[in-house]
């Protein structure tokens, strides 16, 4: 009788051990499956958003991917003259709206630095580069005051100032990405378009990223431009702000 009882107890113990082991491993398997499914979902979401970045330079794509995966916003500092307004209806704000709508509002953290009336010489004298460095940007989208320089500072000096500022910023922030763009076109200009062309050539020779948004505007010799650029102020109108923003959105967001 005693042996029978011991046998029964042994069977119960073994059965309990097997059941407990099965439940333990089932939980482990379930947790592993859930984790794998979560990771797969996150991967698919990342790939979906990264598809919008496929036309951007590799270093920009890498920063966007890192921002998505780490949930740490990419800090984009947009800097320029009064042609780059910090107002909520300016092209930087309109661009941010499109970036957030596409990538999500935790991928880009946009900071706008507007320097009204600034020339490149003043930017050097006032150490604007240091101000931009303090913002700790991952990327700087810079419109470097060419329109304010027009008729005031020689284009060769302008380009030297731009190069100096870029070198100052990149020396302090080796991983920063600098993206250059001109101000808006203006009606029937003579020397200014030539200066912008020299600026573009300079950027190409130096290996800097240059965004040529002028291709989105009407010809500067046509009256149609007056719809987008106020001929009295030489600044973008409401329609001009939208056109500028839409072009940049097309640059950052592949369709």
Protein backbone atom coordinates (compact mmCIF):
# COMPACT_ATOMS: atom_id res chain seq x y z
CA UNK A 1 0.00 0.00 0.00
CA UNK A 2 2.82 2.30 0.94
CA UNK A 3 4.56 1.62 -2.36
CA UNK A 4 1.38 2.37 -4.27
CA UNK A 5 0.99 5.70 -2.43
CA UNK A 6 4.58 6.63 -3.18
CA UNK A 7 4.07 5.75 -6.83
CA UNK A 8 0.95 7.91 -7.00
CA UNK A 9 2.75 10.82 -5.34
CA UNK A 10 5.65 10.40 -7.76
CA UNK A 11 3.31 10.43 -10.73
CA UNK A 12 1.55 13.56 -9.39
CA UNK A 13 4.90 15.26 -8.81
CA UNK A 14 6.16 14.39 -12.27
CA UNK A 15 2.92 15.51 -13.86
CA UNK A 16 3.00 18.80 -11.93
CA UNK A 17 6.61 19.34 -12.96
CA UNK A 18 5.81 18.67 -16.60
CA UNK A 19 2.75 20.95 -16.53
CA UNK A 20 4.67 23.71 -14.75
CA UNK A 21 7.51 23.38 -17.22
CA UNK A 22 5.13 23.44 -20.13
CA UNK A 23 3.41 26.57 -18.80
CA UNK A 24 6.78 28.26 -18.19
CA UNK A 25 8.05 27.58 -21.67
CA UNK A 26 4.70 28.49 -23.20
CA UNK A 27 4.93 31.88 -21.48
CA UNK A 28 8.50 32.28 -22.73
CA UNK A 29 7.45 31.39 -26.26
CA UNK A 30 4.44 33.71 -26.10
CA UNK A 31 6.64 36.57 -24.85
CA UNK A 32 9.19 35.89 -27.58
CA UNK A 33 6.48 35.84 -30.24
CA UNK A 34 4.95 39.06 -28.91
CA UNK A 35 8.37 40.73 -28.87
CA UNK A 36 9.11 39.54 -32.40
CA UNK A 37 5.74 40.79 -33.62
CA UNK A 38 6.30 44.16 -31.93
CA UNK A 39 9.74 44.47 -33.46
CA UNK A 40 8.40 43.46 -36.87
CA UNK A 41 5.66 46.08 -36.61
CA UNK A 42 8.19 48.74 -35.58
CA UNK A 43 10.47 47.71 -38.45
CA UNK A 44 7.64 47.93 -40.95
CA UNK A 45 6.62 51.36 -39.62
CA UNK A 46 10.22 52.56 -39.85
CA UNK A 47 10.58 51.23 -43.40
CA UNK A 48 7.33 52.89 -44.41
CA UNK A 49 8.50 56.28 -43.15
CA UNK A 50 12.00 55.84 -44.51
CA UNK A 51 10.52 55.33 -47.98
CA UNK A 52 9.73 59.05 -47.92
CA UNK A 53 13.41 59.85 -47.33
CA UNK A 54 14.80 57.74 -50.17
CA UNK A 55 15.84 60.71 -52.35
CA UNK A 56 17.71 62.54 -49.59
CA UNK A 57 21.50 62.42 -49.16
CA UNK A 58 22.65 59.29 -47.30
CA UNK A 59 23.74 61.18 -44.20
CA UNK A 60 20.32 62.82 -43.92
CA UNK A 61 18.56 59.47 -44.37
CA UNK A 62 20.70 58.01 -41.58
CA UNK A 63 19.74 60.82 -39.21
CA UNK A 64 16.04 60.45 -39.95
CA UNK A 65 16.27 56.68 -39.43
CA UNK A 66 18.04 57.15 -36.10
CA UNK A 67 15.43 59.68 -34.98
CA UNK A 68 12.64 57.23 -35.79
CA UNK A 69 14.29 54.23 -34.14
CA UNK A 70 15.43 56.02 -30.97
CA UNK A 71 12.37 58.23 -30.65
CA UNK A 72 14.78 61.18 -30.34
CA UNK A 73 13.78 64.06 -32.63
CA UNK A 74 16.23 65.19 -35.26
CA UNK A 75 16.98 68.83 -34.47
CA UNK A 76 16.66 70.86 -37.67
CA UNK A 77 17.72 74.50 -37.35
CA UNK A 78 16.46 76.68 -40.20
CA UNK A 79 18.39 79.95 -40.38
CA UNK A 80 18.32 82.93 -42.68
CA UNK A 81 17.30 86.50 -43.33
CA UNK A 82 13.81 87.98 -43.26
CA UNK A 83 13.19 85.80 -46.33
CA UNK A 84 13.19 82.92 -43.83
CA UNK A 85 10.54 84.15 -41.37
CA UNK A 86 9.86 82.64 -37.98
CA UNK A 87 6.17 83.56 -38.28
CA UNK A 88 3.58 80.78 -38.23
CA UNK A 89 2.61 81.51 -41.84
CA UNK A 90 6.23 81.51 -43.08
CA UNK A 91 7.67 78.76 -45.24
CA UNK A 92 9.61 77.12 -42.34
CA UNK A 93 6.40 76.61 -40.35
CA UNK A 94 4.57 75.37 -43.45
CA UNK A 95 7.42 72.95 -44.12
CA UNK A 96 7.31 71.64 -40.57
CA UNK A 97 3.60 70.93 -40.91
CA UNK A 98 4.26 68.73 -43.93
CA UNK A 99 7.22 66.99 -42.29
CA UNK A 100 5.14 66.20 -39.19
CA UNK A 101 2.20 64.98 -41.28
CA UNK A 102 4.48 62.57 -43.16
CA UNK A 103 7.10 61.39 -40.67
CA UNK A 104 5.22 61.98 -37.42
CA UNK A 105 5.60 64.85 -35.00
CA UNK A 106 8.48 63.24 -33.08
CA UNK A 107 10.95 62.94 -35.94
CA UNK A 108 11.82 66.57 -36.71
CA UNK A 109 12.25 69.27 -34.09
CA UNK A 110 12.38 72.49 -36.09
CA UNK A 111 13.98 75.67 -34.75
CA UNK A 112 13.79 78.84 -36.86
CA UNK A 113 16.44 81.56 -36.50
CA UNK A 114 15.46 84.69 -38.43
CA UNK A 115 18.05 87.49 -38.77
CA UNK A 116 16.35 90.52 -40.25
CA UNK A 117 18.57 92.82 -42.30
CA UNK A 118 21.61 90.62 -41.69
CA UNK A 119 24.53 90.48 -44.14
CA UNK A 120 27.22 87.82 -44.15
CA UNK A 121 29.75 90.32 -42.80
CA UNK A 122 27.48 91.17 -39.90
CA UNK A 123 26.98 87.46 -39.34
CA UNK A 124 30.75 87.06 -38.98
CA UNK A 125 31.10 90.15 -36.78
CA UNK A 126 28.25 89.09 -34.50
CA UNK A 127 29.37 85.43 -34.42
CA UNK A 128 26.08 84.06 -35.64
CA UNK A 129 27.80 80.70 -36.13
CA UNK A 130 28.24 80.46 -32.37
CA UNK A 131 24.52 81.12 -31.87
CA UNK A 132 23.66 78.31 -34.26
CA UNK A 133 26.12 75.97 -32.52
CA UNK A 134 24.36 76.64 -29.19
CA UNK A 135 21.17 75.25 -30.69
CA UNK A 136 22.93 71.86 -30.98
CA UNK A 137 21.52 71.06 -34.41
CA UNK A 138 21.70 67.73 -36.18
CA UNK A 139 21.08 69.64 -39.41
CA UNK A 140 21.23 73.29 -40.42
CA UNK A 141 19.20 74.51 -43.39
CA UNK A 142 20.77 77.89 -44.09
CA UNK A 143 19.74 80.72 -46.39
CA UNK A 144 22.89 82.85 -46.03
CA UNK A 145 21.78 86.46 -46.59
CA UNK A 146 22.65 86.77 -50.30
CA UNK A 147 19.75 89.11 -50.97
CA UNK A 148 20.80 91.42 -48.14
CA UNK A 149 24.37 91.30 -49.47
CA UNK A 150 23.25 92.27 -52.97
CA UNK A 151 24.81 95.62 -53.91
CA UNK A 152 26.52 95.81 -50.50
CA UNK A 153 29.12 93.06 -50.31
CA UNK A 154 31.12 91.56 -53.16
CA UNK A 155 30.13 87.99 -54.01
CA UNK A 156 33.67 86.69 -53.45
CA UNK A 157 33.64 88.14 -49.95
CA UNK A 158 30.14 86.71 -49.45
CA UNK A 159 31.31 83.21 -50.33
CA UNK A 160 34.35 83.56 -48.09
CA UNK A 161 32.08 84.57 -45.19
CA UNK A 162 29.79 81.60 -45.84
CA UNK A 163 32.74 79.22 -45.93
CA UNK A 164 34.12 80.64 -42.68
CA UNK A 165 30.80 80.19 -40.91
CA UNK A 166 30.38 76.63 -42.13
CA UNK A 167 33.88 75.72 -40.99
CA UNK A 168 33.22 77.27 -37.57
CA UNK A 169 30.00 75.29 -37.17
CA UNK A 170 31.42 71.97 -38.36
CA UNK A 171 34.54 72.36 -36.23
CA UNK A 172 32.33 72.55 -33.14
CA UNK A 173 29.79 70.00 -34.41
CA UNK A 174 31.61 67.46 -36.61
CA UNK A 175 28.47 65.39 -37.20
CA UNK A 176 26.22 68.28 -38.23
CA UNK A 177 24.77 68.36 -41.76
CA UNK A 178 24.81 71.77 -43.46
CA UNK A 179 22.26 72.33 -46.21
CA UNK A 180 22.48 75.54 -48.25
CA UNK A 181 19.81 77.33 -50.24
CA UNK A 182 19.51 80.79 -51.80
CA UNK A 183 16.94 83.41 -50.82
CA UNK A 184 13.95 83.87 -53.12
CA UNK A 185 14.33 85.32 -56.64
CA UNK A 186 13.36 88.95 -57.24
CA UNK A 187 11.79 90.72 -60.20
CA UNK A 188 14.06 91.76 -63.08
CA UNK A 189 17.28 91.54 -61.07
CA UNK A 190 20.56 92.00 -62.95
CA UNK A 191 23.47 90.97 -60.75
CA UNK A 192 21.63 88.99 -58.08
CA UNK A 193 20.84 85.92 -60.26
CA UNK A 194 24.51 85.77 -61.27
CA UNK A 195 25.51 85.86 -57.61
CA UNK A 196 23.10 83.03 -56.81
CA UNK A 197 24.62 81.01 -59.66
CA UNK A 198 28.10 81.62 -58.22
CA UNK A 199 26.80 80.56 -54.83
CA UNK A 200 25.49 77.31 -56.32
CA UNK A 201 28.83 76.65 -58.08
CA UNK A 202 30.68 77.37 -54.83
CA UNK A 203 28.51 74.89 -52.92
CA UNK A 204 29.08 72.20 -55.54
CA UNK A 205 32.85 72.72 -55.57
CA UNK A 206 33.00 72.57 -51.78
CA UNK A 207 30.82 69.48 -51.60
CA UNK A 208 28.07 71.23 -49.64
CA UNK A 209 24.45 70.16 -50.00
CA UNK A 210 22.67 72.79 -52.12
CA UNK A 211 18.90 72.94 -52.53
CA UNK A 212 17.94 74.75 -55.72
CA UNK A 213 14.40 75.90 -55.00
CA UNK A 214 14.60 78.56 -57.73
CA UNK A 215 13.39 75.96 -60.20
CA UNK A 216 10.00 76.10 -58.45
CA UNK A 217 9.52 79.85 -59.04
CA UNK A 218 8.40 81.68 -62.20
CA UNK A 219 11.19 83.21 -64.26
CA UNK A 220 12.53 86.31 -62.50
CA UNK A 221 12.13 88.27 -65.74
CA UNK A 222 8.38 87.58 -65.92
CA UNK A 223 5.56 89.55 -64.31
CA UNK A 224 4.19 86.27 -62.94
CA UNK A 225 6.83 86.40 -60.22
CA UNK A 226 5.04 89.38 -58.66
CA UNK A 227 2.32 87.00 -57.46
CA UNK A 228 4.89 85.18 -55.37
CA UNK A 229 7.38 87.93 -54.47
CA UNK A 230 6.27 91.39 -53.40
CA UNK A 231 8.04 93.84 -55.76
CA UNK A 232 8.07 96.51 -53.03
CA UNK A 233 9.76 94.44 -50.34
CA UNK A 234 11.42 91.68 -52.45
CA UNK A 235 10.03 89.19 -49.95
CA UNK A 236 7.77 86.20 -50.62
CA UNK A 237 4.03 86.79 -50.54
CA UNK A 238 1.68 84.29 -48.92
CA UNK A 239 1.65 82.36 -52.19
CA UNK A 240 5.44 82.60 -52.35
CA UNK A 241 5.83 81.21 -48.83
CA UNK A 242 3.68 78.25 -49.78
CA UNK A 243 5.55 77.66 -53.03
CA UNK A 244 8.89 77.66 -51.22
CA UNK A 245 7.58 75.34 -48.50
CA UNK A 246 6.05 72.96 -51.03
CA UNK A 247 9.30 72.67 -52.96
CA UNK A 248 11.27 71.86 -49.81
CA UNK A 249 8.60 69.40 -48.72
CA UNK A 250 9.06 67.70 -52.09
CA UNK A 251 12.80 67.57 -51.40
CA UNK A 252 12.40 66.01 -47.95
CA UNK A 253 9.43 63.81 -48.84
CA UNK A 254 9.61 61.45 -51.81
CA UNK A 255 6.23 60.63 -53.31
